[in-house]
Amino acid sequence: MENKSGERMEDREEIFSKSVRAGKRTYFFDVKATKGNDYYLTVTESKKKFSEDGKFFFEKHKLFLYKEDFEKFAAGLKEAVDFIQAEKGVYEAPVENNYKEELEGVLNEGSEYSEVSFDDLGSK
């Protein structure tokens, strides 16, 4: 997208940038400055895809959000998220196994394993 002077809006200087990895997608939240030094937000969804020849590329979708729309956008987003969570429940990420804690539990239960220090082995 170009502005009146032909400058690509994507080429504007980034003031702030935050990326969020979410499964197979990455979201980029970039704050940029207009020519008049006002700020706006771009939200980009990037997803890795593969072409028929096996090469990968990134499919991107970009949204430009201006400060005069922030409150209405945030209210609409919150309302939509609240609706989904009320209908389908809050998403809870799966808990990863903590093998260290499991191993410590086994060692502390008086199993056949014992803690050995290298100092106990002596030197040859």
PDB file of N, CA and C in Angstrom:
ATOM      1  N   MET A   1       0.842  -1.170   0.000  1.00  0.00           N
ATOM      2  CA  MET A   1       0.000   0.000   0.000  1.00  0.00           C
ATOM      3  C   MET A   1       0.886   1.232   0.000  1.00  0.00           C
ATOM      4  N   GLU A   2       0.557   2.191  -0.862  1.00  0.00           N
ATOM      5  CA  GLU A   2       1.359   3.402  -0.979  1.00  0.00           C
ATOM      6  C   GLU A   2       0.553   4.609  -0.539  1.00  0.00           C
ATOM      7  N   ASN A   3       1.267   5.612   0.002  1.00  0.00           N
ATOM      8  CA  ASN A   3       0.587   6.845   0.350  1.00  0.00           C
ATOM      9  C   ASN A   3       0.609   7.793  -0.849  1.00  0.00           C
ATOM     10  N   LYS A   4       0.163   9.040  -0.681  1.00  0.00           N
ATOM     11  CA  LYS A   4       0.045   9.987  -1.796  1.00  0.00           C
ATOM     12  C   LYS A   4       1.381  10.287  -2.461  1.00  0.00           C
ATOM     13  N   SER A   5       2.472  10.264  -1.715  1.00  0.00           N
ATOM     14  CA  SER A   5       3.779  10.573  -2.277  1.00  0.00           C
ATOM     15  C   SER A   5       4.457   9.345  -2.888  1.00  0.00           C
ATOM     16  N   GLY A   6       3.755   8.210  -2.914  1.00  0.00           N
ATOM     17  CA  GLY A   6       4.308   7.003  -3.512  1.00  0.00           C
ATOM     18  C   GLY A   6       5.161   6.181  -2.566  1.00  0.00           C
ATOM     19  N   GLU A   7       5.280   6.619  -1.328  1.00  0.00           N
ATOM     20  CA  GLU A   7       6.075   5.889  -0.339  1.00  0.00           C
ATOM     21  C   GLU A   7       5.278   4.691   0.159  1.00  0.00           C
ATOM     22  N   ARG A   8       5.936   3.538   0.204  1.00  0.00           N
ATOM     23  CA  ARG A   8       5.265   2.339   0.713  1.00  0.00           C
ATOM     24  C   ARG A   8       5.132   2.461   2.219  1.00  0.00           C
ATOM     25  N   MET A   9       3.917   2.261   2.731  1.00  0.00           N
ATOM     26  CA  MET A   9       3.676   2.408   4.168  1.00  0.00           C
ATOM     27  C   MET A   9       4.402   1.329   4.953  1.00  0.00           C
ATOM     28  N   GLU A  10       4.646   0.154   4.342  1.00  0.00           N
ATOM     29  CA  GLU A  10       5.351  -0.918   5.046  1.00  0.00           C
ATOM     30  C   GLU A  10       6.810  -0.549   5.306  1.00  0.00           C
ATOM     31  N   ASP A  11       7.336   0.438   4.554  1.00  0.00           N
ATOM     32  CA  ASP A  11       8.741   0.804   4.679  1.00  0.00           C
ATOM     33  C   ASP A  11       8.989   1.845   5.765  1.00  0.00           C
ATOM     34  N   ARG A  12       7.970   2.281   6.451  1.00  0.00           N
ATOM     35  CA  ARG A  12       8.132   3.280   7.507  1.00  0.00           C
ATOM     36  C   ARG A  12       8.976   2.716   8.640  1.00  0.00           C
ATOM     37  N   GLU A  13       9.636   3.628   9.369  1.00  0.00           N
ATOM     38  CA  GLU A  13      10.487   3.232  10.491  1.00  0.00           C
ATOM     39  C   GLU A  13       9.648   2.619  11.607  1.00  0.00           C
ATOM     40  N   GLU A  14      10.137   1.507  12.147  1.00  0.00           N
ATOM     41  CA  GLU A  14       9.451   0.868  13.272  1.00  0.00           C
ATOM     42  C   GLU A  14       9.873   1.545  14.568  1.00  0.00           C
ATOM     43  N   ILE A  15       8.890   1.911  15.371  1.00  0.00           N
ATOM     44  CA  ILE A  15       9.124   2.546  16.666  1.00  0.00           C
ATOM     45  C   ILE A  15       9.185   1.477  17.755  1.00  0.00           C
ATOM     46  N   PHE A  16       8.369   0.444  17.588  1.00  0.00           N
ATOM     47  CA  PHE A  16       8.261  -0.646  18.562  1.00  0.00           C
ATOM     48  C   PHE A  16       7.839  -1.886  17.796  1.00  0.00           C
ATOM     49  N   SER A  17       8.335  -3.040  18.213  1.00  0.00           N
ATOM     50  CA  SER A  17       7.961  -4.277  17.548  1.00  0.00           C
ATOM     51  C   SER A  17       7.888  -5.405  18.570  1.00  0.00           C
ATOM     52  N   LYS A  18       6.859  -6.223  18.440  1.00  0.00           N
ATOM     53  CA  LYS A  18       6.671  -7.376  19.322  1.00  0.00           C
ATOM     54  C   LYS A  18       6.176  -8.530  18.463  1.00  0.00           C
ATOM     55  N   SER A  19       6.837  -9.679  18.571  1.00  0.00           N
ATOM     56  CA  SER A  19       6.367 -10.860  17.835  1.00  0.00           C
ATOM     57  C   SER A  19       5.846 -11.877  18.834  1.00  0.00           C
ATOM     58  N   VAL A  20       4.797 -12.588  18.418  1.00  0.00           N
ATOM     59  CA  VAL A  20       4.166 -13.593  19.264  1.00  0.00           C
ATOM     60  C   VAL A  20       4.020 -14.858  18.441  1.00  0.00           C
ATOM     61  N   ARG A  21       4.690 -15.922  18.860  1.00  0.00           N
ATOM     62  CA  ARG A  21       4.546 -17.213  18.191  1.00  0.00           C
ATOM     63  C   ARG A  21       3.339 -17.917  18.770  1.00  0.00           C
ATOM     64  N   ALA A  22       2.496 -18.409  17.867  1.00  0.00           N
ATOM     65  CA  ALA A  22       1.267 -19.068  18.300  1.00  0.00           C
ATOM     66  C   ALA A  22       1.033 -20.261  17.391  1.00  0.00           C
ATOM     67  N   GLY A  23       1.550 -21.402  17.795  1.00  0.00           N
ATOM     68  CA  GLY A  23       1.405 -22.601  16.974  1.00  0.00           C
ATOM     69  C   GLY A  23       2.142 -22.449  15.660  1.00  0.00           C
ATOM     70  N   LYS A  24       1.438 -22.637  14.555  1.00  0.00           N
ATOM     71  CA  LYS A  24       2.063 -22.551  13.232  1.00  0.00           C
ATOM     72  C   LYS A  24       2.123 -21.127  12.708  1.00  0.00           C
ATOM     73  N   ARG A  25       1.613 -20.188  13.485  1.00  0.00           N
ATOM     74  CA  ARG A  25       1.578 -18.800  13.052  1.00  0.00           C
ATOM     75  C   ARG A  25       2.456 -17.937  13.936  1.00  0.00           C
ATOM     76  N   THR A  26       2.881 -16.818  13.377  1.00  0.00           N
ATOM     77  CA  THR A  26       3.562 -15.787  14.153  1.00  0.00           C
ATOM     78  C   THR A  26       2.823 -14.488  13.895  1.00  0.00           C
ATOM     79  N   TYR A  27       2.554 -13.756  14.964  1.00  0.00           N
ATOM     80  CA  TYR A  27       1.910 -12.456  14.858  1.00  0.00           C
ATOM     81  C   TYR A  27       2.939 -11.390  15.177  1.00  0.00           C
ATOM     82  N   PHE A  28       2.965 -10.346  14.361  1.00  0.00           N
ATOM     83  CA  PHE A  28       3.872  -9.224  14.570  1.00  0.00           C
ATOM     84  C   PHE A  28       3.042  -7.980  14.857  1.00  0.00           C
ATOM     85  N   PHE A  29       3.354  -7.303  15.945  1.00  0.00           N
ATOM     86  CA  PHE A  29       2.711  -6.049  16.308  1.00  0.00           C
ATOM     87  C   PHE A  29       3.785  -4.969  16.170  1.00  0.00           C
ATOM     88  N   ASP A  30       3.641  -4.128  15.162  1.00  0.00           N
ATOM     89  CA  ASP A  30       4.655  -3.118  14.863  1.00  0.00           C
ATOM     90  C   ASP A  30       4.048  -1.722  14.943  1.00  0.00           C
ATOM     91  N   VAL A  31       4.676  -0.864  15.748  1.00  0.00           N
ATOM     92  CA  VAL A  31       4.267   0.532  15.830  1.00  0.00           C
ATOM     93  C   VAL A  31       5.169   1.315  14.885  1.00  0.00           C
ATOM     94  N   LYS A  32       4.544   2.101  14.002  1.00  0.00           N
ATOM     95  CA  LYS A  32       5.287   2.895  13.027  1.00  0.00           C
ATOM     96  C   LYS A  32       4.817   4.330  13.100  1.00  0.00           C
ATOM     97  N   ALA A  33       5.573   5.226  12.487  1.00  0.00           N
ATOM     98  CA  ALA A  33       5.232   6.646  12.496  1.00  0.00           C
ATOM     99  C   ALA A  33       4.801   7.087  11.108  1.00  0.00           C
ATOM    100  N   THR A  34       3.772   7.934  11.076  1.00  0.00           N
ATOM    101  CA  THR A  34       3.351   8.529   9.812  1.00  0.00           C
ATOM    102  C   THR A  34       4.329   9.649   9.465  1.00  0.00           C
ATOM    103  N   LYS A  35       4.176  10.203   8.280  1.00  0.00           N
ATOM    104  CA  LYS A  35       5.013  11.328   7.860  1.00  0.00           C
ATOM    105  C   LYS A  35       4.871  12.500   8.826  1.00  0.00           C
ATOM    106  N   GLY A  36       3.672  12.655   9.400  1.00  0.00           N
ATOM    107  CA  GLY A  36       3.410  13.719  10.372  1.00  0.00           C
ATOM    108  C   GLY A  36       3.801  13.330  11.787  1.00  0.00           C
ATOM    109  N   ASN A  37       4.546  12.244  11.943  1.00  0.00           N
ATOM    110  CA  ASN A  37       5.040  11.734  13.225  1.00  0.00           C
ATOM    111  C   ASN A  37       3.919  11.300  14.172  1.00  0.00           C
ATOM    112  N   ASP A  38       2.818  10.827  13.621  1.00  0.00           N
ATOM    113  CA  ASP A  38       1.769  10.210  14.417  1.00  0.00           C
ATOM    114  C   ASP A  38       2.014   8.706  14.366  1.00  0.00           C
ATOM    115  N   TYR A  39       1.577   7.976  15.356  1.00  0.00           N
ATOM    116  CA  TYR A  39       1.830   6.544  15.395  1.00  0.00           C
ATOM    117  C   TYR A  39       0.612   5.756  14.915  1.00  0.00           C
ATOM    118  N   TYR A  40       0.874   4.610  14.333  1.00  0.00           N
ATOM    119  CA  TYR A  40      -0.162   3.650  13.976  1.00  0.00           C
ATOM    120  C   TYR A  40       0.402   2.258  14.197  1.00  0.00           C
ATOM    121  N   LEU A  41      -0.479   1.270  14.228  1.00  0.00           N
ATOM    122  CA  LEU A  41      -0.105  -0.111  14.517  1.00  0.00           C
ATOM    123  C   LEU A  41      -0.366  -0.975  13.300  1.00  0.00           C
ATOM    124  N   THR A  42       0.588  -1.827  12.976  1.00  0.00           N
ATOM    125  CA  THR A  42       0.331  -2.857  11.976  1.00  0.00           C
ATOM    126  C   THR A  42       0.359  -4.201  12.697  1.00  0.00           C
ATOM    127  N   VAL A  43      -0.619  -5.026  12.397  1.00  0.00           N
ATOM    128  CA  VAL A  43      -0.683  -6.385  12.926  1.00  0.00           C
ATOM    129  C   VAL A  43      -0.529  -7.298  11.725  1.00  0.00           C
ATOM    130  N   THR A  44       0.502  -8.148  11.756  1.00  0.00           N
ATOM    131  CA  THR A  44       0.771  -9.045  10.636  1.00  0.00           C
ATOM    132  C   THR A  44       0.707 -10.483  11.122  1.00  0.00           C
ATOM    133  N   GLU A  45      -0.057 -11.288  10.400  1.00  0.00           N
ATOM    134  CA  GLU A  45      -0.090 -12.727  10.652  1.00  0.00           C
ATOM    135  C   GLU A  45       0.799 -13.355   9.587  1.00  0.00           C
ATOM    136  N   SER A  46       1.749 -14.172  10.012  1.00  0.00           N
ATOM    137  CA  SER A  46       2.655 -14.838   9.085  1.00  0.00           C
ATOM    138  C   SER A  46       2.572 -16.341   9.319  1.00  0.00           C
ATOM    139  N   LYS A  47       2.409 -17.071   8.221  1.00  0.00           N
ATOM    140  CA  LYS A  47       2.303 -18.527   8.319  1.00  0.00           C
ATOM    141  C   LYS A  47       3.184 -19.149   7.248  1.00  0.00           C
ATOM    142  N   LYS A  48       4.000 -20.127   7.634  1.00  0.00           N
ATOM    143  CA  LYS A  48       4.891 -20.807   6.701  1.00  0.00           C
ATOM    144  C   LYS A  48       4.078 -21.774   5.847  1.00  0.00           C
ATOM    145  N   LYS A  49       4.231 -21.668   4.543  1.00  0.00           N
ATOM    146  CA  LYS A  49       3.525 -22.539   3.592  1.00  0.00           C
ATOM    147  C   LYS A  49       4.552 -23.152   2.647  1.00  0.00           C
ATOM    148  N   PHE A  50       4.149 -24.202   1.957  1.00  0.00           N
ATOM    149  CA  PHE A  50       5.029 -24.865   1.009  1.00  0.00           C
ATOM    150  C   PHE A  50       4.395 -24.855  -0.373  1.00  0.00           C
ATOM    151  N   SER A  51       5.195 -24.534  -1.382  1.00  0.00           N
ATOM    152  CA  SER A  51       4.713 -24.543  -2.755  1.00  0.00           C
ATOM    153  C   SER A  51       4.777 -25.969  -3.299  1.00  0.00           C
ATOM    154  N   GLU A  52       4.258 -26.165  -4.504  1.00  0.00           N
ATOM    155  CA  GLU A  52       4.222 -27.500  -5.097  1.00  0.00           C
ATOM    156  C   GLU A  52       5.616 -28.082  -5.317  1.00  0.00           C
ATOM    157  N   ASP A  53       6.616 -27.208  -5.517  1.00  0.00           N
ATOM    158  CA  ASP A  53       7.975 -27.701  -5.734  1.00  0.00           C
ATOM    159  C   ASP A  53       8.727 -27.955  -4.421  1.00  0.00           C
ATOM    160  N   GLY A  54       8.022 -27.803  -3.288  1.00  0.00           N
ATOM    161  CA  GLY A  54       8.624 -28.119  -1.992  1.00  0.00           C
ATOM    162  C   GLY A  54       9.309 -26.947  -1.321  1.00  0.00           C
ATOM    163  N   LYS A  55       9.417 -25.811  -1.998  1.00  0.00           N
ATOM    164  CA  LYS A  55      10.049 -24.636  -1.385  1.00  0.00           C
ATOM    165  C   LYS A  55       9.037 -23.957  -0.474  1.00  0.00           C
ATOM    166  N   PHE A  56       9.554 -23.355   0.609  1.00  0.00           N
ATOM    167  CA  PHE A  56       8.636 -22.700   1.534  1.00  0.00           C
ATOM    168  C   PHE A  56       8.593 -21.201   1.262  1.00  0.00           C
ATOM    169  N   PHE A  57       7.501 -20.616   1.677  1.00  0.00           N
ATOM    170  CA  PHE A  57       7.319 -19.168   1.622  1.00  0.00           C
ATOM    171  C   PHE A  57       6.418 -18.792   2.791  1.00  0.00           C
ATOM    172  N   PHE A  58       6.361 -17.510   3.091  1.00  0.00           N
ATOM    173  CA  PHE A  58       5.531 -17.044   4.186  1.00  0.00           C
ATOM    174  C   PHE A  58       4.321 -16.309   3.627  1.00  0.00           C
ATOM    175  N   GLU A  59       3.147 -16.798   3.994  1.00  0.00           N
ATOM    176  CA  GLU A  59       1.911 -16.126   3.624  1.00  0.00           C
ATOM    177  C   GLU A  59       1.635 -15.102   4.724  1.00  0.00           C
ATOM    178  N   LYS A  60       1.438 -13.847   4.313  1.00  0.00           N
ATOM    179  CA  LYS A  60       1.252 -12.780   5.297  1.00  0.00           C
ATOM    180  C   LYS A  60      -0.047 -12.039   5.048  1.00  0.00           C
ATOM    181  N   HIS A  61      -0.682 -11.694   6.144  1.00  0.00           N
ATOM    182  CA  HIS A  61      -1.875 -10.858   6.120  1.00  0.00           C
ATOM    183  C   HIS A  61      -1.609  -9.687   7.057  1.00  0.00           C
ATOM    184  N   LYS A  62      -1.854  -8.478   6.592  1.00  0.00           N
ATOM    185  CA  LYS A  62      -1.516  -7.297   7.374  1.00  0.00           C
ATOM    186  C   LYS A  62      -2.744  -6.431   7.597  1.00  0.00           C
ATOM    187  N   LEU A  63      -2.829  -5.894   8.800  1.00  0.00           N
ATOM    188  CA  LEU A  63      -3.907  -5.009   9.197  1.00  0.00           C
ATOM    189  C   LEU A  63      -3.285  -3.709   9.710  1.00  0.00           C
ATOM    190  N   PHE A  64      -3.761  -2.584   9.211  1.00  0.00           N
ATOM    191  CA  PHE A  64      -3.300  -1.278   9.679  1.00  0.00           C
ATOM    192  C   PHE A  64      -4.351  -0.728  10.630  1.00  0.00           C
ATOM    193  N   LEU A  65      -3.917  -0.322  11.808  1.00  0.00           N
ATOM    194  CA  LEU A  65      -4.843   0.172  12.813  1.00  0.00           C
ATOM    195  C   LEU A  65      -4.356   1.539  13.296  1.00  0.00           C
ATOM    196  N   TYR A  66      -5.231   2.531  13.153  1.00  0.00           N
ATOM    197  CA  TYR A  66      -4.883   3.904  13.527  1.00  0.00           C
ATOM    198  C   TYR A  66      -5.473   4.249  14.884  1.00  0.00           C
ATOM    199  N   LYS A  67      -4.789   5.176  15.588  1.00  0.00           N
ATOM    200  CA  LYS A  67      -5.120   5.441  16.990  1.00  0.00           C
ATOM    201  C   LYS A  67      -6.572   5.846  17.209  1.00  0.00           C
ATOM    202  N   GLU A  68      -7.199   6.504  16.238  1.00  0.00           N
ATOM    203  CA  GLU A  68      -8.595   6.894  16.420  1.00  0.00           C
ATOM    204  C   GLU A  68      -9.531   5.683  16.439  1.00  0.00           C
ATOM    205  N   ASP A  69      -9.030   4.524  16.025  1.00  0.00           N
ATOM    206  CA  ASP A  69      -9.832   3.299  16.008  1.00  0.00           C
ATOM    207  C   ASP A  69      -9.475   2.326  17.132  1.00  0.00           C
ATOM    208  N   PHE A  70      -8.456   2.619  17.928  1.00  0.00           N
ATOM    209  CA  PHE A  70      -7.970   1.684  18.943  1.00  0.00           C
ATOM    210  C   PHE A  70      -9.076   1.223  19.894  1.00  0.00           C
ATOM    211  N   GLU A  71      -9.821   2.168  20.472  1.00  0.00           N
ATOM    212  CA  GLU A  71     -10.817   1.795  21.490  1.00  0.00           C
ATOM    213  C   GLU A  71     -11.920   0.924  20.903  1.00  0.00           C
ATOM    214  N   LYS A  72     -12.434   1.302  19.739  1.00  0.00           N
ATOM    215  CA  LYS A  72     -13.504   0.515  19.116  1.00  0.00           C
ATOM    216  C   LYS A  72     -12.988  -0.861  18.698  1.00  0.00           C
ATOM    217  N   PHE A  73     -11.768  -0.920  18.163  1.00  0.00           N
ATOM    218  CA  PHE A  73     -11.178  -2.193  17.769  1.00  0.00           C
ATOM    219  C   PHE A  73     -11.004  -3.091  18.990  1.00  0.00           C
ATOM    220  N   ALA A  74     -10.418  -2.536  20.069  1.00  0.00           N
ATOM    221  CA  ALA A  74     -10.169  -3.309  21.292  1.00  0.00           C
ATOM    222  C   ALA A  74     -11.485  -3.789  21.893  1.00  0.00           C
ATOM    223  N   ALA A  75     -12.512  -2.956  21.881  1.00  0.00           N
ATOM    224  CA  ALA A  75     -13.808  -3.354  22.430  1.00  0.00           C
ATOM    225  C   ALA A  75     -14.414  -4.479  21.594  1.00  0.00           C
ATOM    226  N   GLY A  76     -14.326  -4.366  20.276  1.00  0.00           N
ATOM    227  CA  GLY A  76     -14.854  -5.419  19.406  1.00  0.00           C
ATOM    228  C   GLY A  76     -14.101  -6.725  19.571  1.00  0.00           C
ATOM    229  N   LEU A  77     -12.774  -6.643  19.662  1.00  0.00           N
ATOM    230  CA  LEU A  77     -11.954  -7.841  19.867  1.00  0.00           C
ATOM    231  C   LEU A  77     -12.292  -8.498  21.197  1.00  0.00           C
ATOM    232  N   LYS A  78     -12.399  -7.693  22.261  1.00  0.00           N
ATOM    233  CA  LYS A  78     -12.721  -8.245  23.577  1.00  0.00           C
ATOM    234  C   LYS A  78     -14.088  -8.916  23.563  1.00  0.00           C
ATOM    235  N   GLU A  79     -15.069  -8.284  22.927  1.00  0.00           N
ATOM    236  CA  GLU A  79     -16.409  -8.858  22.869  1.00  0.00           C
ATOM    237  C   GLU A  79     -16.405 -10.198  22.127  1.00  0.00           C
ATOM    238  N   ALA A  80     -15.662 -10.272  21.026  1.00  0.00           N
ATOM    239  CA  ALA A  80     -15.589 -11.515  20.253  1.00  0.00           C
ATOM    240  C   ALA A  80     -14.875 -12.615  21.046  1.00  0.00           C
ATOM    241  N   VAL A  81     -13.777 -12.270  21.709  1.00  0.00           N
ATOM    242  CA  VAL A  81     -13.028 -13.248  22.507  1.00  0.00           C
ATOM    243  C   VAL A  81     -13.876 -13.726  23.686  1.00  0.00           C
ATOM    244  N   ASP A  82     -14.541 -12.787  24.359  1.00  0.00           N
ATOM    245  CA  ASP A  82     -15.410 -13.164  25.486  1.00  0.00           C
ATOM    246  C   ASP A  82     -16.514 -14.116  25.034  1.00  0.00           C
ATOM    247  N   PHE A  83     -17.106 -13.853  23.862  1.00  0.00           N
ATOM    248  CA  PHE A  83     -18.155 -14.721  23.336  1.00  0.00           C
ATOM    249  C   PHE A  83     -17.628 -16.136  23.101  1.00  0.00           C
ATOM    250  N   ILE A  84     -16.465 -16.236  22.446  1.00  0.00           N
ATOM    251  CA  ILE A  84     -15.882 -17.555  22.165  1.00  0.00           C
ATOM    252  C   ILE A  84     -15.577 -18.292  23.460  1.00  0.00           C
ATOM    253  N   GLN A  85     -15.002 -17.598  24.434  1.00  0.00           N
ATOM    254  CA  GLN A  85     -14.659 -18.247  25.697  1.00  0.00           C
ATOM    255  C   GLN A  85     -15.902 -18.662  26.472  1.00  0.00           C
ATOM    256  N   ALA A  86     -16.972 -17.887  26.382  1.00  0.00           N
ATOM    257  CA  ALA A  86     -18.218 -18.256  27.054  1.00  0.00           C
ATOM    258  C   ALA A  86     -18.855 -19.472  26.391  1.00  0.00           C
ATOM    259  N   GLU A  87     -18.764 -19.550  25.068  1.00  0.00           N
ATOM    260  CA  GLU A  87     -19.379 -20.653  24.329  1.00  0.00           C
ATOM    261  C   GLU A  87     -18.527 -21.920  24.343  1.00  0.00           C
ATOM    262  N   LYS A  88     -17.207 -21.758  24.224  1.00  0.00           N
ATOM    263  CA  LYS A  88     -16.316 -22.910  24.049  1.00  0.00           C
ATOM    264  C   LYS A  88     -15.321 -23.108  25.184  1.00  0.00           C
ATOM    265  N   GLY A  89     -15.317 -22.222  26.157  1.00  0.00           N
ATOM    266  CA  GLY A  89     -14.390 -22.350  27.276  1.00  0.00           C
ATOM    267  C   GLY A  89     -13.063 -21.669  26.995  1.00  0.00           C
ATOM    268  N   VAL A  90     -12.335 -21.444  28.053  1.00  0.00           N
ATOM    269  CA  VAL A  90     -11.027 -20.803  27.953  1.00  0.00           C
ATOM    270  C   VAL A  90     -10.005 -21.844  27.556  1.00  0.00           C
ATOM    271  N   TYR A  91      -9.170 -21.516  26.591  1.00  0.00           N
ATOM    272  CA  TYR A  91      -8.134 -22.445  26.133  1.00  0.00           C
ATOM    273  C   TYR A  91      -7.058 -22.563  27.196  1.00  0.00           C
ATOM    274  N   GLU A  92      -6.721 -23.789  27.519  1.00  0.00           N
ATOM    275  CA  GLU A  92      -5.630 -24.044  28.456  1.00  0.00           C
ATOM    276  C   GLU A  92      -4.559 -24.822  27.719  1.00  0.00           C
ATOM    277  N   ALA A  93      -3.369 -24.250  27.668  1.00  0.00           N
ATOM    278  CA  ALA A  93      -2.257 -24.901  26.976  1.00  0.00           C
ATOM    279  C   ALA A  93      -1.919 -26.205  27.681  1.00  0.00           C
ATOM    280  N   PRO A  94      -1.566 -27.242  26.912  1.00  0.00           N
ATOM    281  CA  PRO A  94      -1.186 -28.515  27.538  1.00  0.00           C
ATOM    282  C   PRO A  94       0.039 -28.338  28.426  1.00  0.00           C
ATOM    283  N   VAL A  95       0.026 -29.039  29.536  1.00  0.00           N
ATOM    284  CA  VAL A  95       1.146 -28.974  30.472  1.00  0.00           C
ATOM    285  C   VAL A  95       2.237 -29.914  29.981  1.00  0.00           C
ATOM    286  N   GLU A  96       3.451 -29.373  29.871  1.00  0.00           N
ATOM    287  CA  GLU A  96       4.573 -30.203  29.440  1.00  0.00           C
ATOM    288  C   GLU A  96       5.084 -31.023  30.618  1.00  0.00           C
ATOM    289  N   ASN A  97       5.558 -32.212  30.328  1.00  0.00           N
ATOM    290  CA  ASN A  97       6.129 -33.056  31.384  1.00  0.00           C
ATOM    291  C   ASN A  97       7.396 -32.424  31.926  1.00  0.00           C
ATOM    292  N   ASN A  98       7.497 -32.415  33.220  1.00  0.00           N
ATOM    293  CA  ASN A  98       8.710 -31.918  33.839  1.00  0.00           C
ATOM    294  C   ASN A  98       9.481 -33.140  34.340  1.00  0.00           C
ATOM    295  N   TYR A  99      10.343 -33.664  33.486  1.00  0.00           N
ATOM    296  CA  TYR A  99      11.050 -34.907  33.794  1.00  0.00           C
ATOM    297  C   TYR A  99      11.979 -34.770  34.986  1.00  0.00           C
ATOM    298  N   LYS A 100      12.507 -33.569  35.209  1.00  0.00           N
ATOM    299  CA  LYS A 100      13.396 -33.375  36.346  1.00  0.00           C
ATOM    300  C   LYS A 100      12.639 -33.630  37.651  1.00  0.00           C
ATOM    301  N   GLU A 101      11.425 -33.068  37.759  1.00  0.00           N
ATOM    302  CA  GLU A 101      10.629 -33.276  38.967  1.00  0.00           C
ATOM    303  C   GLU A 101      10.256 -34.751  39.130  1.00  0.00           C
ATOM    304  N   GLU A 102       9.917 -35.419  38.015  1.00  0.00           N
ATOM    305  CA  GLU A 102       9.577 -36.838  38.086  1.00  0.00           C
ATOM    306  C   GLU A 102      10.779 -37.645  38.559  1.00  0.00           C
ATOM    307  N   LEU A 103      11.967 -37.360  38.056  1.00  0.00           N
ATOM    308  CA  LEU A 103      13.176 -38.071  38.441  1.00  0.00           C
ATOM    309  C   LEU A 103      13.486 -37.834  39.919  1.00  0.00           C
ATOM    310  N   GLU A 104      13.362 -36.582  40.365  1.00  0.00           N
ATOM    311  CA  GLU A 104      13.614 -36.286  41.772  1.00  0.00           C
ATOM    312  C   GLU A 104      12.621 -37.041  42.653  1.00  0.00           C
ATOM    313  N   GLY A 105      11.371 -37.155  42.209  1.00  0.00           N
ATOM    314  CA  GLY A 105      10.367 -37.898  42.971  1.00  0.00           C
ATOM    315  C   GLY A 105      10.741 -39.356  43.104  1.00  0.00           C
ATOM    316  N   VAL A 106      11.242 -39.957  42.042  1.00  0.00           N
ATOM    317  CA  VAL A 106      11.654 -41.355  42.074  1.00  0.00           C
ATOM    318  C   VAL A 106      12.847 -41.522  43.007  1.00  0.00           C
ATOM    319  N   LEU A 107      13.835 -40.630  42.928  1.00  0.00           N
ATOM    320  CA  LEU A 107      15.036 -40.743  43.755  1.00  0.00           C
ATOM    321  C   LEU A 107      14.730 -40.539  45.230  1.00  0.00           C
ATOM    322  N   ASN A 108      13.750 -39.697  45.518  1.00  0.00           N
ATOM    323  CA  ASN A 108      13.421 -39.398  46.912  1.00  0.00           C
ATOM    324  C   ASN A 108      12.507 -40.443  47.541  1.00  0.00           C
ATOM    325  N   GLU A 109      12.000 -41.378  46.758  1.00  0.00           N
ATOM    326  CA  GLU A 109      11.088 -42.385  47.301  1.00  0.00           C
ATOM    327  C   GLU A 109      11.828 -43.647  47.742  1.00  0.00           C
ATOM    328  N   GLY A 110      13.139 -43.570  47.896  1.00  0.00           N
ATOM    329  CA  GLY A 110      13.889 -44.724  48.373  1.00  0.00           C
ATOM    330  C   GLY A 110      14.016 -45.810  47.332  1.00  0.00           C
ATOM    331  N   SER A 111      14.128 -45.437  46.079  1.00  0.00           N
ATOM    332  CA  SER A 111      14.265 -46.435  45.024  1.00  0.00           C
ATOM    333  C   SER A 111      15.647 -47.042  45.068  1.00  0.00           C
ATOM    334  N   GLU A 112      15.911 -47.932  44.147  1.00  0.00           N
ATOM    335  CA  GLU A 112      17.202 -48.608  44.115  1.00  0.00           C
ATOM    336  C   GLU A 112      18.337 -47.700  43.672  1.00  0.00           C
ATOM    337  N   TYR A 113      18.020 -46.507  43.211  1.00  0.00           N
ATOM    338  CA  TYR A 113      19.053 -45.570  42.774  1.00  0.00           C
ATOM    339  C   TYR A 113      19.516 -44.741  43.954  1.00  0.00           C
ATOM    340  N   SER A 114      20.785 -44.376  43.939  1.00  0.00           N
ATOM    341  CA  SER A 114      21.287 -43.507  44.997  1.00  0.00           C
ATOM    342  C   SER A 114      22.112 -42.402  44.356  1.00  0.00           C
ATOM    343  N   GLU A 115      22.260 -41.331  45.098  1.00  0.00           N
ATOM    344  CA  GLU A 115      23.016 -40.199  44.592  1.00  0.00           C
ATOM    345  C   GLU A 115      24.498 -40.499  44.758  1.00  0.00           C
ATOM    346  N   VAL A 116      25.265 -40.272  43.694  1.00  0.00           N
ATOM    347  CA  VAL A 116      26.696 -40.546  43.721  1.00  0.00           C
ATOM    348  C   VAL A 116      27.438 -39.265  43.389  1.00  0.00           C
ATOM    349  N   SER A 117      28.479 -38.995  44.147  1.00  0.00           N
ATOM    350  CA  SER A 117      29.324 -37.842  43.897  1.00  0.00           C
ATOM    351  C   SER A 117      30.599 -38.333  43.228  1.00  0.00           C
ATOM    352  N   PHE A 118      31.149 -37.562  42.329  1.00  0.00           N
ATOM    353  CA  PHE A 118      32.402 -37.955  41.667  1.00  0.00           C
ATOM    354  C   PHE A 118      33.533 -38.079  42.691  1.00  0.00           C
ATOM    355  N   ASP A 119      33.441 -37.331  43.798  1.00  0.00           N
ATOM    356  CA  ASP A 119      34.459 -37.440  44.820  1.00  0.00           C
ATOM    357  C   ASP A 119      34.463 -38.820  45.465  1.00  0.00           C
ATOM    358  N   ASP A 120      33.294 -39.466  45.487  1.00  0.00           N
ATOM    359  CA  ASP A 120      33.175 -40.810  46.065  1.00  0.00           C
ATOM    360  C   ASP A 120      33.859 -41.875  45.216  1.00  0.00           C
ATOM    361  N   LEU A 121      34.070 -41.573  43.928  1.00  0.00           N
ATOM    362  CA  LEU A 121      34.636 -42.565  43.018  1.00  0.00           C
ATOM    363  C   LEU A 121      36.144 -42.720  43.197  1.00  0.00           C
ATOM    364  N   GLY A 122      36.782 -41.701  43.743  1.00  0.00           N
ATOM    365  CA  GLY A 122      38.221 -41.774  43.933  1.00  0.00           C
ATOM    366  C   GLY A 122      38.963 -41.587  42.626  1.00  0.00           C
ATOM    367  N   SER A 123      40.270 -41.589  42.690  1.00  0.00           N
ATOM    368  CA  SER A 123      41.062 -41.432  41.465  1.00  0.00           C
ATOM    369  C   SER A 123      41.937 -42.652  41.281  1.00  0.00           C
ATOM    370  N   LYS A 124      42.290 -42.927  40.053  1.00  0.00           N
ATOM    371  CA  LYS A 124      43.094 -44.098  39.735  1.00  0.00           C
ATOM    372  C   LYS A 124      44.544 -43.742  39.680  1.00  0.00           C
TER     373      LYS A 124
END
